């Protein structure tokens, strides 16, 4: 599937997740959800829907991720965030060694992705959207076994 097809499929998952989140917020299970959490969650879901293809060096998500990483390095360099710079560079080096349809195309990779989203955003809603977006891609494509 190409990236456009993945975004279309993920839209179905995102709509269902949004219905679930709204239902749970009405039942006070998820209280105090902000509009920002919805918007950020949906954006993260679309990004995570393309994330399994980060192992293709010509993919849109690979290019976008590199640009974001470089901007983050510039930001942290101006604020003396050397540990963050080392982590970002380490991340870039690691993704260079992924094989296509390897670990990034496994459904269970959605779990650490969601945990990272949870700690980065401190929002269970954003983490749920990250998980659903990732599963919408990794769950429908075969991985190399």
Foldseek 3Di string as FASTA:
>chain_A
DALVVLLVLLVVLLVVLVVVVVVCCVVVVDDDDDPVLNVLLQVLLSLLSCVLVCLPCPHPSVVVLVVVLVVVLVVCVVVVVVVSNVVSVVVNVVSPPDDRLAPSLALVVLVVQLVVQCVVPVDNSSSVSSSSSNCSRSVVDHGDD
